PDB file of N, CA and C in Angstrom:
ATOM      1  N   MET A   1      14.201 -32.820  -7.620  1.00  0.00           N
ATOM      2  CA  MET A   1      14.499 -31.469  -7.227  1.00  0.00           C
ATOM      3  C   MET A   1      13.385 -30.958  -6.314  1.00  0.00           C
ATOM      4  N   LEU A   2      13.760 -30.384  -5.198  1.00  0.00           N
ATOM      5  CA  LEU A   2      12.789 -29.816  -4.275  1.00  0.00           C
ATOM      6  C   LEU A   2      12.527 -28.363  -4.628  1.00  0.00           C
ATOM      7  N   GLN A   3      11.292 -27.963  -4.520  1.00  0.00           N
ATOM      8  CA  GLN A   3      10.949 -26.567  -4.741  1.00  0.00           C
ATOM      9  C   GLN A   3      10.488 -25.969  -3.421  1.00  0.00           C
ATOM     10  N   ALA A   4      10.879 -24.739  -3.184  1.00  0.00           N
ATOM     11  CA  ALA A   4      10.447 -24.044  -1.975  1.00  0.00           C
ATOM     12  C   ALA A   4       8.964 -23.722  -2.092  1.00  0.00           C
ATOM     13  N   GLU A   5       8.286 -23.855  -0.984  1.00  0.00           N
ATOM     14  CA  GLU A   5       6.875 -23.503  -0.962  1.00  0.00           C
ATOM     15  C   GLU A   5       6.742 -21.982  -1.018  1.00  0.00           C
ATOM     16  N   ILE A   6       5.869 -21.516  -1.880  1.00  0.00           N
ATOM     17  CA  ILE A   6       5.641 -20.080  -2.009  1.00  0.00           C
ATOM     18  C   ILE A   6       4.516 -19.699  -1.064  1.00  0.00           C
ATOM     19  N   ASN A   7       4.803 -18.736  -0.212  1.00  0.00           N
ATOM     20  CA  ASN A   7       3.867 -18.301   0.804  1.00  0.00           C
ATOM     21  C   ASN A   7       3.197 -16.997   0.405  1.00  0.00           C
ATOM     22  N   THR A   8       2.495 -17.000  -0.719  1.00  0.00           N
ATOM     23  CA  THR A   8       1.827 -15.806  -1.201  1.00  0.00           C
ATOM     24  C   THR A   8       0.351 -16.108  -1.382  1.00  0.00           C
ATOM     25  N   GLN A   9      -0.483 -15.233  -0.846  1.00  0.00           N
ATOM     26  CA  GLN A   9      -1.915 -15.328  -1.032  1.00  0.00           C
ATOM     27  C   GLN A   9      -2.340 -14.086  -1.792  1.00  0.00           C
ATOM     28  N   SER A  10      -3.256 -14.235  -2.755  1.00  0.00           N
ATOM     29  CA  SER A  10      -3.729 -13.056  -3.461  1.00  0.00           C
ATOM     30  C   SER A  10      -5.145 -13.273  -3.968  1.00  0.00           C
ATOM     31  N   VAL A  11      -5.821 -12.159  -4.225  1.00  0.00           N
ATOM     32  CA  VAL A  11      -7.138 -12.167  -4.848  1.00  0.00           C
ATOM     33  C   VAL A  11      -7.054 -11.254  -6.056  1.00  0.00           C
ATOM     34  N   SER A  12      -7.984 -11.412  -6.964  1.00  0.00           N
ATOM     35  CA  SER A  12      -7.930 -10.575  -8.162  1.00  0.00           C
ATOM     36  C   SER A  12      -8.272  -9.127  -7.826  1.00  0.00           C
ATOM     37  N   ASN A  13      -7.585  -8.220  -8.499  1.00  0.00           N
ATOM     38  CA  ASN A  13      -7.878  -6.797  -8.383  1.00  0.00           C
ATOM     39  C   ASN A  13      -9.041  -6.486  -9.318  1.00  0.00           C
ATOM     40  N   ARG A  14      -9.671  -5.329  -9.116  1.00  0.00           N
ATOM     41  CA  ARG A  14     -10.724  -4.927 -10.047  1.00  0.00           C
ATOM     42  C   ARG A  14     -10.141  -4.821 -11.453  1.00  0.00           C
ATOM     43  N   PHE A  15      -8.934  -4.288 -11.540  1.00  0.00           N
ATOM     44  CA  PHE A  15      -8.186  -4.208 -12.782  1.00  0.00           C
ATOM     45  C   PHE A  15      -6.783  -4.664 -12.433  1.00  0.00           C
ATOM     46  N   GLU A  16      -6.114  -5.354 -13.319  1.00  0.00           N
ATOM     47  CA  GLU A  16      -4.739  -5.759 -13.038  1.00  0.00           C
ATOM     48  C   GLU A  16      -3.868  -4.511 -13.035  1.00  0.00           C
ATOM     49  N   LYS A  17      -3.191  -4.259 -11.926  1.00  0.00           N
ATOM     50  CA  LYS A  17      -2.469  -3.009 -11.769  1.00  0.00           C
ATOM     51  C   LYS A  17      -0.988  -3.195 -11.509  1.00  0.00           C
ATOM     52  N   ARG A  18      -0.477  -4.394 -11.638  1.00  0.00           N
ATOM     53  CA  ARG A  18       0.945  -4.592 -11.388  1.00  0.00           C
ATOM     54  C   ARG A  18       1.791  -3.867 -12.420  1.00  0.00           C
ATOM     55  N   GLY A  19       1.218  -3.540 -13.566  1.00  0.00           N
ATOM     56  CA  GLY A  19       1.944  -2.795 -14.587  1.00  0.00           C
ATOM     57  C   GLY A  19       1.768  -1.289 -14.460  1.00  0.00           C
ATOM     58  N   ALA A  20       1.007  -0.841 -13.446  1.00  0.00           N
ATOM     59  CA  ALA A  20       0.757   0.589 -13.254  1.00  0.00           C
ATOM     60  C   ALA A  20       2.046   1.314 -12.892  1.00  0.00           C
ATOM     61  N   PHE A  21       2.094   2.601 -13.189  1.00  0.00           N
ATOM     62  CA  PHE A  21       3.252   3.423 -12.853  1.00  0.00           C
ATOM     63  C   PHE A  21       3.413   3.452 -11.347  1.00  0.00           C
ATOM     64  N   ARG A  22       4.553   3.002 -10.860  1.00  0.00           N
ATOM     65  CA  ARG A  22       4.833   2.907  -9.431  1.00  0.00           C
ATOM     66  C   ARG A  22       5.790   4.001  -8.992  1.00  0.00           C
ATOM     67  N   VAL A  23       5.583   4.491  -7.789  1.00  0.00           N
ATOM     68  CA  VAL A  23       6.424   5.529  -7.203  1.00  0.00           C
ATOM     69  C   VAL A  23       7.048   4.956  -5.938  1.00  0.00           C
ATOM     70  N   SER A  24       8.337   5.170  -5.757  1.00  0.00           N
ATOM     71  CA  SER A  24       8.980   4.713  -4.523  1.00  0.00           C
ATOM     72  C   SER A  24       9.445   5.891  -3.665  1.00  0.00           C
ATOM     73  N   ASN A  25       9.387   7.103  -4.217  1.00  0.00           N
ATOM     74  CA  ASN A  25       9.810   8.289  -3.479  1.00  0.00           C
ATOM     75  C   ASN A  25       8.774   9.386  -3.685  1.00  0.00           C
ATOM     76  N   PRO A  26       8.133   9.878  -2.668  1.00  0.00           N
ATOM     77  CA  PRO A  26       8.501   9.702  -1.270  1.00  0.00           C
ATOM     78  C   PRO A  26       7.978   8.379  -0.709  1.00  0.00           C
ATOM     79  N   VAL A  27       8.713   7.876   0.265  1.00  0.00           N
ATOM     80  CA  VAL A  27       8.262   6.708   1.011  1.00  0.00           C
ATOM     81  C   VAL A  27       7.118   7.187   1.911  1.00  0.00           C
ATOM     82  N   LEU A  28       6.052   6.419   1.924  1.00  0.00           N
ATOM     83  CA  LEU A  28       4.895   6.788   2.740  1.00  0.00           C
ATOM     84  C   LEU A  28       4.871   5.972   4.027  1.00  0.00           C
ATOM     85  N   SER A  29       4.395   6.616   5.076  1.00  0.00           N
ATOM     86  CA  SER A  29       4.117   5.936   6.329  1.00  0.00           C
ATOM     87  C   SER A  29       2.651   5.529   6.268  1.00  0.00           C
ATOM     88  N   VAL A  30       2.374   4.281   6.571  1.00  0.00           N
ATOM     89  CA  VAL A  30       1.012   3.757   6.518  1.00  0.00           C
ATOM     90  C   VAL A  30       0.688   3.176   7.885  1.00  0.00           C
ATOM     91  N   GLU A  31      -0.368   3.674   8.502  1.00  0.00           N
ATOM     92  CA  GLU A  31      -0.770   3.169   9.810  1.00  0.00           C
ATOM     93  C   GLU A  31      -2.095   2.432   9.681  1.00  0.00           C
ATOM     94  N   ILE A  32      -2.077   1.177  10.145  1.00  0.00           N
ATOM     95  CA  ILE A  32      -3.269   0.328  10.126  1.00  0.00           C
ATOM     96  C   ILE A  32      -3.446  -0.242  11.521  1.00  0.00           C
ATOM     97  N   ASP A  33      -4.554   0.051  12.147  1.00  0.00           N
ATOM     98  CA  ASP A  33      -4.837  -0.446  13.497  1.00  0.00           C
ATOM     99  C   ASP A  33      -3.703  -0.161  14.472  1.00  0.00           C
ATOM    100  N   GLY A  34      -3.130   1.035  14.394  1.00  0.00           N
ATOM    101  CA  GLY A  34      -2.077   1.439  15.321  1.00  0.00           C
ATOM    102  C   GLY A  34      -0.685   0.923  15.000  1.00  0.00           C
ATOM    103  N   VAL A  35      -0.535   0.147  13.925  1.00  0.00           N
ATOM    104  CA  VAL A  35       0.770  -0.387  13.522  1.00  0.00           C
ATOM    105  C   VAL A  35       1.225   0.365  12.272  1.00  0.00           C
ATOM    106  N   ARG A  36       2.494   0.811  12.277  1.00  0.00           N
ATOM    107  CA  ARG A  36       3.022   1.570  11.142  1.00  0.00           C
ATOM    108  C   ARG A  36       3.883   0.709  10.224  1.00  0.00           C
ATOM    109  N   PHE A  37       3.750   1.003   8.949  1.00  0.00           N
ATOM    110  CA  PHE A  37       4.518   0.352   7.896  1.00  0.00           C
ATOM    111  C   PHE A  37       5.074   1.437   6.982  1.00  0.00           C
ATOM    112  N   SER A  38       6.091   1.101   6.215  1.00  0.00           N
ATOM    113  CA  SER A  38       6.559   1.986   5.159  1.00  0.00           C
ATOM    114  C   SER A  38       6.181   1.339   3.836  1.00  0.00           C
ATOM    115  N   THR A  39       6.157   2.159   2.793  1.00  0.00           N
ATOM    116  CA  THR A  39       5.825   1.624   1.474  1.00  0.00           C
ATOM    117  C   THR A  39       7.090   1.207   0.727  1.00  0.00           C
ATOM    118  N   GLU A  40       6.993   0.108   0.033  1.00  0.00           N
ATOM    119  CA  GLU A  40       8.030  -0.321  -0.913  1.00  0.00           C
ATOM    120  C   GLU A  40       7.860   0.513  -2.182  1.00  0.00           C
ATOM    121  N   ASN A  41       6.597   0.598  -2.624  1.00  0.00           N
ATOM    122  CA  ASN A  41       6.213   1.472  -3.729  1.00  0.00           C
ATOM    123  C   ASN A  41       4.708   1.676  -3.655  1.00  0.00           C
ATOM    124  N   TRP A  42       4.227   2.596  -4.487  1.00  0.00           N
ATOM    125  CA  TRP A  42       2.797   2.878  -4.488  1.00  0.00           C
ATOM    126  C   TRP A  42       2.401   3.507  -5.812  1.00  0.00           C
ATOM    127  N   SER A  43       1.110   3.521  -6.062  1.00  0.00           N
ATOM    128  CA  SER A  43       0.553   4.170  -7.243  1.00  0.00           C
ATOM    129  C   SER A  43      -0.741   4.832  -6.809  1.00  0.00           C
ATOM    130  N   LEU A  44      -1.423   5.469  -7.727  1.00  0.00           N
ATOM    131  CA  LEU A  44      -2.706   6.079  -7.393  1.00  0.00           C
ATOM    132  C   LEU A  44      -3.752   5.028  -7.045  1.00  0.00           C
ATOM    133  N   ASP A  45      -3.483   3.781  -7.415  1.00  0.00           N
ATOM    134  CA  ASP A  45      -4.442   2.705  -7.196  1.00  0.00           C
ATOM    135  C   ASP A  45      -4.123   1.798  -6.020  1.00  0.00           C
ATOM    136  N   GLY A  46      -2.873   1.842  -5.518  1.00  0.00           N
ATOM    137  CA  GLY A  46      -2.555   0.902  -4.461  1.00  0.00           C
ATOM    138  C   GLY A  46      -1.229   1.155  -3.786  1.00  0.00           C
ATOM    139  N   LEU A  47      -0.995   0.398  -2.717  1.00  0.00           N
ATOM    140  CA  LEU A  47       0.199   0.510  -1.896  1.00  0.00           C
ATOM    141  C   LEU A  47       0.831  -0.869  -1.733  1.00  0.00           C
ATOM    142  N   LEU A  48       2.154  -0.941  -1.816  1.00  0.00           N
ATOM    143  CA  LEU A  48       2.866  -2.162  -1.471  1.00  0.00           C
ATOM    144  C   LEU A  48       3.629  -1.863  -0.194  1.00  0.00           C
ATOM    145  N   LEU A  49       3.218  -2.508   0.889  1.00  0.00           N
ATOM    146  CA  LEU A  49       3.795  -2.250   2.203  1.00  0.00           C
ATOM    147  C   LEU A  49       4.952  -3.187   2.494  1.00  0.00           C
ATOM    148  N   ASN A  50       5.944  -2.682   3.206  1.00  0.00           N
ATOM    149  CA  ASN A  50       7.011  -3.504   3.758  1.00  0.00           C
ATOM    150  C   ASN A  50       6.470  -4.086   5.058  1.00  0.00           C
ATOM    151  N   GLY A  51       6.217  -5.359   5.061  1.00  0.00           N
ATOM    152  CA  GLY A  51       5.711  -6.019   6.261  1.00  0.00           C
ATOM    153  C   GLY A  51       4.359  -6.661   6.025  1.00  0.00           C
ATOM    154  N   VAL A  52       4.021  -7.533   6.936  1.00  0.00           N
ATOM    155  CA  VAL A  52       2.728  -8.219   6.902  1.00  0.00           C
ATOM    156  C   VAL A  52       2.050  -7.944   8.234  1.00  0.00           C
ATOM    157  N   ALA A  53       0.923  -7.311   8.187  1.00  0.00           N
ATOM    158  CA  ALA A  53       0.188  -6.954   9.394  1.00  0.00           C
ATOM    159  C   ALA A  53      -0.510  -8.183   9.978  1.00  0.00           C
ATOM    160  N   GLU A  54      -0.538  -8.231  11.291  1.00  0.00           N
ATOM    161  CA  GLU A  54      -1.290  -9.300  11.952  1.00  0.00           C
ATOM    162  C   GLU A  54      -2.776  -8.975  11.857  1.00  0.00           C
ATOM    163  N   HIS A  55      -3.586  -9.991  11.921  1.00  0.00           N
ATOM    164  CA  HIS A  55      -5.041  -9.841  11.975  1.00  0.00           C
ATOM    165  C   HIS A  55      -5.632  -9.202  10.727  1.00  0.00           C
ATOM    166  N   ILE A  56      -4.968  -9.312   9.583  1.00  0.00           N
ATOM    167  CA  ILE A  56      -5.581  -8.852   8.349  1.00  0.00           C
ATOM    168  C   ILE A  56      -5.980 -10.072   7.551  1.00  0.00           C
ATOM    169  N   GLU A  57      -6.989  -9.893   6.738  1.00  0.00           N
ATOM    170  CA  GLU A  57      -7.463 -10.995   5.918  1.00  0.00           C
ATOM    171  C   GLU A  57      -7.531 -10.561   4.472  1.00  0.00           C
ATOM    172  N   LEU A  58      -7.213 -11.478   3.610  1.00  0.00           N
ATOM    173  CA  LEU A  58      -7.265 -11.235   2.186  1.00  0.00           C
ATOM    174  C   LEU A  58      -8.671 -10.854   1.762  1.00  0.00           C
ATOM    175  N   ASP A  59      -8.771  -9.849   0.899  1.00  0.00           N
ATOM    176  CA  ASP A  59     -10.022  -9.395   0.294  1.00  0.00           C
ATOM    177  C   ASP A  59     -10.973  -8.730   1.281  1.00  0.00           C
ATOM    178  N   LYS A  60     -10.477  -8.338   2.439  1.00  0.00           N
ATOM    179  CA  LYS A  60     -11.319  -7.656   3.423  1.00  0.00           C
ATOM    180  C   LYS A  60     -11.050  -6.156   3.376  1.00  0.00           C
ATOM    181  N   PRO A  61     -12.093  -5.356   3.627  1.00  0.00           N
ATOM    182  CA  PRO A  61     -11.891  -3.904   3.675  1.00  0.00           C
ATOM    183  C   PRO A  61     -10.896  -3.527   4.777  1.00  0.00           C
ATOM    184  N   ILE A  62     -10.149  -2.467   4.512  1.00  0.00           N
ATOM    185  CA  ILE A  62      -9.165  -1.998   5.471  1.00  0.00           C
ATOM    186  C   ILE A  62      -9.174  -0.471   5.442  1.00  0.00           C
ATOM    187  N   GLU A  63      -8.915   0.128   6.594  1.00  0.00           N
ATOM    188  CA  GLU A  63      -8.813   1.581   6.684  1.00  0.00           C
ATOM    189  C   GLU A  63      -7.531   1.929   7.406  1.00  0.00           C
ATOM    190  N   GLY A  64      -6.993   3.094   7.093  1.00  0.00           N
ATOM    191  CA  GLY A  64      -5.774   3.524   7.751  1.00  0.00           C
ATOM    192  C   GLY A  64      -5.477   4.974   7.469  1.00  0.00           C
ATOM    193  N   ILE A  65      -4.251   5.360   7.794  1.00  0.00           N
ATOM    194  CA  ILE A  65      -3.785   6.722   7.601  1.00  0.00           C
ATOM    195  C   ILE A  65      -2.460   6.648   6.841  1.00  0.00           C
ATOM    196  N   ILE A  66      -2.290   7.520   5.845  1.00  0.00           N
ATOM    197  CA  ILE A  66      -1.041   7.559   5.087  1.00  0.00           C
ATOM    198  C   ILE A  66      -0.516   8.981   5.002  1.00  0.00           C
ATOM    199  N   GLY A  67       0.785   9.076   4.806  1.00  0.00           N
ATOM    200  CA  GLY A  67       1.435  10.362   4.597  1.00  0.00           C
ATOM    201  C   GLY A  67       2.916  10.150   4.379  1.00  0.00           C
ATOM    202  N   PRO A  68       3.586  11.127   3.786  1.00  0.00           N
ATOM    203  CA  PRO A  68       5.028  11.007   3.572  1.00  0.00           C
ATOM    204  C   PRO A  68       5.776  10.902   4.904  1.00  0.00           C
ATOM    205  N   ILE A  69       6.757  10.012   4.979  1.00  0.00           N
ATOM    206  CA  ILE A  69       7.560   9.879   6.194  1.00  0.00           C
ATOM    207  C   ILE A  69       8.252  11.210   6.468  1.00  0.00           C
ATOM    208  N   GLY A  70       8.208  11.650   7.715  1.00  0.00           N
ATOM    209  CA  GLY A  70       8.841  12.902   8.110  1.00  0.00           C
ATOM    210  C   GLY A  70       7.994  14.130   7.864  1.00  0.00           C
ATOM    211  N   SER A  71       6.769  13.955   7.420  1.00  0.00           N
ATOM    212  CA  SER A  71       5.877  15.075   7.155  1.00  0.00           C
ATOM    213  C   SER A  71       4.668  15.010   8.084  1.00  0.00           C
ATOM    214  N   PRO A  72       4.129  16.160   8.474  1.00  0.00           N
ATOM    215  CA  PRO A  72       2.908  16.150   9.282  1.00  0.00           C
ATOM    216  C   PRO A  72       1.653  15.915   8.438  1.00  0.00           C
ATOM    217  N   GLU A  73       1.803  15.915   7.115  1.00  0.00           N
ATOM    218  CA  GLU A  73       0.648  15.741   6.237  1.00  0.00           C
ATOM    219  C   GLU A  73       0.210  14.275   6.212  1.00  0.00           C
ATOM    220  N   MET A  74      -1.032  14.046   6.566  1.00  0.00           N
ATOM    221  CA  MET A  74      -1.580  12.695   6.599  1.00  0.00           C
ATOM    222  C   MET A  74      -3.013  12.749   6.076  1.00  0.00           C
ATOM    223  N   CYS A  75      -3.500  11.626   5.597  1.00  0.00           N
ATOM    224  CA  CYS A  75      -4.917  11.531   5.249  1.00  0.00           C
ATOM    225  C   CYS A  75      -5.389  10.095   5.452  1.00  0.00           C
ATOM    226  N   ARG A  76      -6.672   9.966   5.621  1.00  0.00           N
ATOM    227  CA  ARG A  76      -7.280   8.646   5.794  1.00  0.00           C
ATOM    228  C   ARG A  76      -7.452   7.990   4.426  1.00  0.00           C
ATOM    229  N   PHE A  77      -7.369   6.662   4.416  1.00  0.00           N
ATOM    230  CA  PHE A  77      -7.617   5.920   3.187  1.00  0.00           C
ATOM    231  C   PHE A  77      -8.444   4.693   3.501  1.00  0.00           C
ATOM    232  N   GLY A  78      -9.072   4.183   2.478  1.00  0.00           N
ATOM    233  CA  GLY A  78      -9.800   2.928   2.558  1.00  0.00           C
ATOM    234  C   GLY A  78      -9.370   2.059   1.389  1.00  0.00           C
ATOM    235  N   GLY A  79      -9.492   0.780   1.536  1.00  0.00           N
ATOM    236  CA  GLY A  79      -9.128  -0.138   0.466  1.00  0.00           C
ATOM    237  C   GLY A  79      -9.366  -1.566   0.888  1.00  0.00           C
ATOM    238  N   ARG A  80      -8.652  -2.474   0.230  1.00  0.00           N
ATOM    239  CA  ARG A  80      -8.752  -3.889   0.596  1.00  0.00           C
ATOM    240  C   ARG A  80      -7.417  -4.561   0.330  1.00  0.00           C
ATOM    241  N   ILE A  81      -7.153  -5.609   1.088  1.00  0.00           N
ATOM    242  CA  ILE A  81      -5.923  -6.381   0.950  1.00  0.00           C
ATOM    243  C   ILE A  81      -6.069  -7.288  -0.266  1.00  0.00           C
ATOM    244  N   VAL A  82      -5.153  -7.162  -1.226  1.00  0.00           N
ATOM    245  CA  VAL A  82      -5.231  -7.997  -2.425  1.00  0.00           C
ATOM    246  C   VAL A  82      -4.092  -9.009  -2.518  1.00  0.00           C
ATOM    247  N   ARG A  83      -3.018  -8.817  -1.731  1.00  0.00           N
ATOM    248  CA  ARG A  83      -1.926  -9.798  -1.754  1.00  0.00           C
ATOM    249  C   ARG A  83      -1.175  -9.753  -0.437  1.00  0.00           C
ATOM    250  N   ILE A  84      -0.874 -10.921   0.101  1.00  0.00           N
ATOM    251  CA  ILE A  84      -0.041 -11.077   1.288  1.00  0.00           C
ATOM    252  C   ILE A  84       1.083 -12.028   0.905  1.00  0.00           C
ATOM    253  N   ASP A  85       2.306 -11.541   0.968  1.00  0.00           N
ATOM    254  CA  ASP A  85       3.466 -12.354   0.593  1.00  0.00           C
ATOM    255  C   ASP A  85       4.360 -12.500   1.816  1.00  0.00           C
ATOM    256  N   GLU A  86       4.225 -13.629   2.496  1.00  0.00           N
ATOM    257  CA  GLU A  86       4.991 -13.865   3.716  1.00  0.00           C
ATOM    258  C   GLU A  86       6.466 -14.126   3.429  1.00  0.00           C
ATOM    259  N   ASP A  87       6.790 -14.618   2.233  1.00  0.00           N
ATOM    260  CA  ASP A  87       8.195 -14.855   1.889  1.00  0.00           C
ATOM    261  C   ASP A  87       8.942 -13.538   1.704  1.00  0.00           C
ATOM    262  N   ASP A  88       8.330 -12.609   0.983  1.00  0.00           N
ATOM    263  CA  ASP A  88       8.953 -11.300   0.762  1.00  0.00           C
ATOM    264  C   ASP A  88       8.578 -10.282   1.840  1.00  0.00           C
ATOM    265  N   MET A  89       7.682 -10.684   2.750  1.00  0.00           N
ATOM    266  CA  MET A  89       7.206  -9.809   3.834  1.00  0.00           C
ATOM    267  C   MET A  89       6.624  -8.504   3.280  1.00  0.00           C
ATOM    268  N   THR A  90       5.680  -8.643   2.341  1.00  0.00           N
ATOM    269  CA  THR A  90       4.989  -7.489   1.783  1.00  0.00           C
ATOM    270  C   THR A  90       3.482  -7.725   1.786  1.00  0.00           C
ATOM    271  N   THR A  91       2.759  -6.624   1.808  1.00  0.00           N
ATOM    272  CA  THR A  91       1.306  -6.653   1.754  1.00  0.00           C
ATOM    273  C   THR A  91       0.859  -5.645   0.705  1.00  0.00           C
ATOM    274  N   ALA A  92       0.004  -6.059  -0.219  1.00  0.00           N
ATOM    275  CA  ALA A  92      -0.504  -5.161  -1.252  1.00  0.00           C
ATOM    276  C   ALA A  92      -1.929  -4.747  -0.924  1.00  0.00           C
ATOM    277  N   ILE A  93      -2.164  -3.448  -1.019  1.00  0.00           N
ATOM    278  CA  ILE A  93      -3.480  -2.879  -0.752  1.00  0.00           C
ATOM    279  C   ILE A  93      -3.980  -2.193  -2.012  1.00  0.00           C
ATOM    280  N   GLU A  94      -5.188  -2.538  -2.423  1.00  0.00           N
ATOM    281  CA  GLU A  94      -5.852  -1.827  -3.509  1.00  0.00           C
ATOM    282  C   GLU A  94      -6.644  -0.699  -2.864  1.00  0.00           C
ATOM    283  N   LEU A  95      -6.358   0.540  -3.259  1.00  0.00           N
ATOM    284  CA  LEU A  95      -7.032   1.692  -2.669  1.00  0.00           C
ATOM    285  C   LEU A  95      -8.451   1.828  -3.201  1.00  0.00           C
ATOM    286  N   ASP A  96      -9.334   2.292  -2.344  1.00  0.00           N
ATOM    287  CA  ASP A  96     -10.714   2.564  -2.712  1.00  0.00           C
ATOM    288  C   ASP A  96     -10.724   3.773  -3.635  1.00  0.00           C
ATOM    289  N   GLU A  97     -11.282   3.624  -4.798  1.00  0.00           N
ATOM    290  CA  GLU A  97     -11.251   4.714  -5.773  1.00  0.00           C
ATOM    291  C   GLU A  97     -12.204   5.850  -5.432  1.00  0.00           C
ATOM    292  N   LYS A  98     -12.965   5.721  -4.371  1.00  0.00           N
ATOM    293  CA  LYS A  98     -13.909   6.766  -3.978  1.00  0.00           C
ATOM    294  C   LYS A  98     -13.279   7.850  -3.110  1.00  0.00           C
ATOM    295  N   ASN A  99     -12.042   7.651  -2.659  1.00  0.00           N
ATOM    296  CA  ASN A  99     -11.429   8.601  -1.739  1.00  0.00           C
ATOM    297  C   ASN A  99     -10.755   9.738  -2.502  1.00  0.00           C
ATOM    298  N   ALA A 100     -11.438  10.878  -2.579  1.00  0.00           N
ATOM    299  CA  ALA A 100     -10.938  12.031  -3.334  1.00  0.00           C
ATOM    300  C   ALA A 100      -9.685  12.632  -2.693  1.00  0.00           C
ATOM    301  N   ASP A 101      -9.577  12.597  -1.363  1.00  0.00           N
ATOM    302  CA  ASP A 101      -8.394  13.152  -0.688  1.00  0.00           C
ATOM    303  C   ASP A 101      -7.132  12.418  -1.103  1.00  0.00           C
ATOM    304  N   VAL A 102      -7.193  11.103  -1.129  1.00  0.00           N
ATOM    305  CA  VAL A 102      -6.027  10.305  -1.515  1.00  0.00           C
ATOM    306  C   VAL A 102      -5.654  10.602  -2.961  1.00  0.00           C
ATOM    307  N   ALA A 103      -6.632  10.643  -3.838  1.00  0.00           N
ATOM    308  CA  ALA A 103      -6.358  10.904  -5.258  1.00  0.00           C
ATOM    309  C   ALA A 103      -5.739  12.276  -5.470  1.00  0.00           C
ATOM    310  N   ALA A 104      -6.098  13.242  -4.655  1.00  0.00           N
ATOM    311  CA  ALA A 104      -5.546  14.589  -4.790  1.00  0.00           C
ATOM    312  C   ALA A 104      -4.170  14.704  -4.145  1.00  0.00           C
ATOM    313  N   LEU A 105      -3.962  14.058  -2.996  1.00  0.00           N
ATOM    314  CA  LEU A 105      -2.726  14.237  -2.247  1.00  0.00           C
ATOM    315  C   LEU A 105      -1.545  13.425  -2.771  1.00  0.00           C
ATOM    316  N   LEU A 106      -1.771  12.227  -3.271  1.00  0.00           N
ATOM    317  CA  LEU A 106      -0.647  11.406  -3.729  1.00  0.00           C
ATOM    318  C   LEU A 106       0.195  12.106  -4.802  1.00  0.00           C
ATOM    319  N   PRO A 107      -0.410  12.669  -5.852  1.00  0.00           N
ATOM    320  CA  PRO A 107       0.431  13.381  -6.834  1.00  0.00           C
ATOM    321  C   PRO A 107       1.108  14.618  -6.235  1.00  0.00           C
ATOM    322  N   LEU A 108       0.434  15.315  -5.349  1.00  0.00           N
ATOM    323  CA  LEU A 108       1.020  16.481  -4.694  1.00  0.00           C
ATOM    324  C   LEU A 108       2.246  16.079  -3.884  1.00  0.00           C
ATOM    325  N   TRP A 109       2.170  14.961  -3.181  1.00  0.00           N
ATOM    326  CA  TRP A 109       3.296  14.496  -2.372  1.00  0.00           C
ATOM    327  C   TRP A 109       4.501  14.137  -3.239  1.00  0.00           C
ATOM    328  N   VAL A 110       4.248  13.618  -4.440  1.00  0.00           N
ATOM    329  CA  VAL A 110       5.367  13.319  -5.345  1.00  0.00           C
ATOM    330  C   VAL A 110       6.101  14.620  -5.684  1.00  0.00           C
ATOM    331  N   LEU A 111       5.343  15.641  -6.020  1.00  0.00           N
ATOM    332  CA  LEU A 111       5.954  16.930  -6.365  1.00  0.00           C
ATOM    333  C   LEU A 111       6.641  17.584  -5.175  1.00  0.00           C
ATOM    334  N   LYS A 112       6.009  17.516  -4.022  1.00  0.00           N
ATOM    335  CA  LYS A 112       6.505  18.219  -2.842  1.00  0.00           C
ATOM    336  C   LYS A 112       7.642  17.492  -2.136  1.00  0.00           C
ATOM    337  N   TYR A 113       7.555  16.179  -2.021  1.00  0.00           N
ATOM    338  CA  TYR A 113       8.526  15.416  -1.230  1.00  0.00           C
ATOM    339  C   TYR A 113       9.360  14.434  -2.040  1.00  0.00           C
ATOM    340  N   GLY A 114       9.031  14.224  -3.287  1.00  0.00           N
ATOM    341  CA  GLY A 114       9.684  13.193  -4.087  1.00  0.00           C
ATOM    342  C   GLY A 114      11.158  13.457  -4.391  1.00  0.00           C
ATOM    343  N   ALA A 115      11.580  14.702  -4.336  1.00  0.00           N
ATOM    344  CA  ALA A 115      12.966  15.019  -4.682  1.00  0.00           C
ATOM    345  C   ALA A 115      13.907  14.942  -3.497  1.00  0.00           C
ATOM    346  N   ARG A 116      13.406  14.613  -2.341  1.00  0.00           N
ATOM    347  CA  ARG A 116      14.250  14.546  -1.129  1.00  0.00           C
ATOM    348  C   ARG A 116      15.263  13.451  -1.223  1.00  0.00           C
TER     349      ARG A 116
END
C-alpha cells in the first residue's frame, strides 16, 4: 500500500495550543510583507492562515497587520511561524504574548464583528 507524503513542517509551540478555544468569525485579514491572507480560525494565542506565504521560514519571527475583513480597524502583530502545511495550504502563527494591542482587540472584534 502506498502512502501519500505529508507535506507539513512544524516546530513546538511554547505551550500546545491546538486545543485552545478557536474563533472563525470574524474572519481576519492578515498582511505579511505586503501579501494578504484570511484566517481559517484564530485564538488569543495564534492564527491559522489560509495559504502559505513565500519566503517564510519555520520558527522565524514574523510581523504583520491584522484586522477584521471589511473593517478599517487594524493593528500590528508579532509572532513566529510554528506550522506550514503545504497539503492543506495553511500556515500557523503563534502570536507574541507581549503585544497588548492584539490581546485587547481580538476579544473586542469577536463582540463587534462576530455576529455578521
